[in-house]
């Protein structure tokens, strides 16, 4: 099958769509990716790409078609908005021109935000006479309101009309979590088009790890916790810092290590110094995906947090699947689906979003477990992931949906 993937983000940016595309190629499909210039999360085009863009035209058998766009910048809502707008306009116009003469059986859209990434796919649907499958990882306009990007009610209503326009013109809308169903159905009139399609852990977390990270291991005699991933407003670092302050007053031997980058990185770094928490929380910066299993192996527990918000409560952060596959106990400070999964798997301790007091108590309780008890929690995490988030099973399901759509008469798209 000839598949066109429309994604604002792609390799060398680190997103799960990279793994999906590579696997589809391994299964015999021809995959073309319509994407932009890599600039996430730093907000500027990657130096290696800028120097040698031709080195980034292929990825594990996928043909990459890149279109110009405005980099997202850092700390500027205006630049971020221009980044979103420039991609969908460029992908629709320049992308259509670059894909001229090519036919596709399927158009697959990857959306961790913005929802506008689907607009060029709908335009190409008309040109290529191919069905569109939309994988929704962020619910709009709810996410915009939750992180405070958009506060104007009229503008939120306008975005909701755009979302309804998009959903109702897609042939299949895939929700990242089961709780997404009602959120999508609010704007999608045909509920039969909505399917559950969660993320999975990347292959790298299934491999045996033998090396550890000395920057973490050298801290002997302490309970070590790792936060990995995006560092932004949604991750509620103020609550994490409140937790650390509470643990500091109790003089507990606990340290938190933060691996990643994002729009709030510099703020968090400055707050650690301001609040004199340098001996309790360590910012280790961004590292390649391939090195993350070593970071996971070097700690006692893994941490996932999200702000209090109805839309975040419907979300399972993508790192949860990777955490589970790594076979480590998990600590949460998030409400809804993310914590529900951990509770169902019985693989960690959960606290509601922003409940730093309960979170601190959970850290204390987990730090008092012996190694066998910690190992048991980690094994339960891995077992749950193997059943609920099995990569091969999920991608096979996606292929079957592709086949069903491809068999429909084109006139009924």
Foldseek 3Di string as FASTA:
>chain_A
DEEEEQEQDDPVPDDCVLVLQLVVVVVPYAYEYEYEADQPPQQDGDPVCVVPVVVVQDHNRYGYDYWYAQGQHFPDLVSVVRRLVRSLVRCQPVVCVVCPPPAGQEYEYEPPDDPSSCNSVLSVCVVRLHAYEYEDQAQPPQVCVVLVSDDDPVVSVVVLQVLLVRQQSHQAYEYQFPLCLVSSCVSHVDSVRYYYFHAAADPLLLDDDDAADCVQLVLPPAAEEEEEDEDDSFQPVVLVVVLLVVVVVVVHRYAYEYEEYHNCVVVSVVVCVVVVVPVHYYYPYYDDPNCVLNHLVSHQEYEGEGADGPRQQRHAPNCLNSRLLNLFAYEYADHHDNVVLLVVLVQYDYHHHSPSVVSSVRVVVSRPDDPVVRNVSSVSSNVSSCPPVPPVVSSVVVVVVSVVSSPDPSVVD
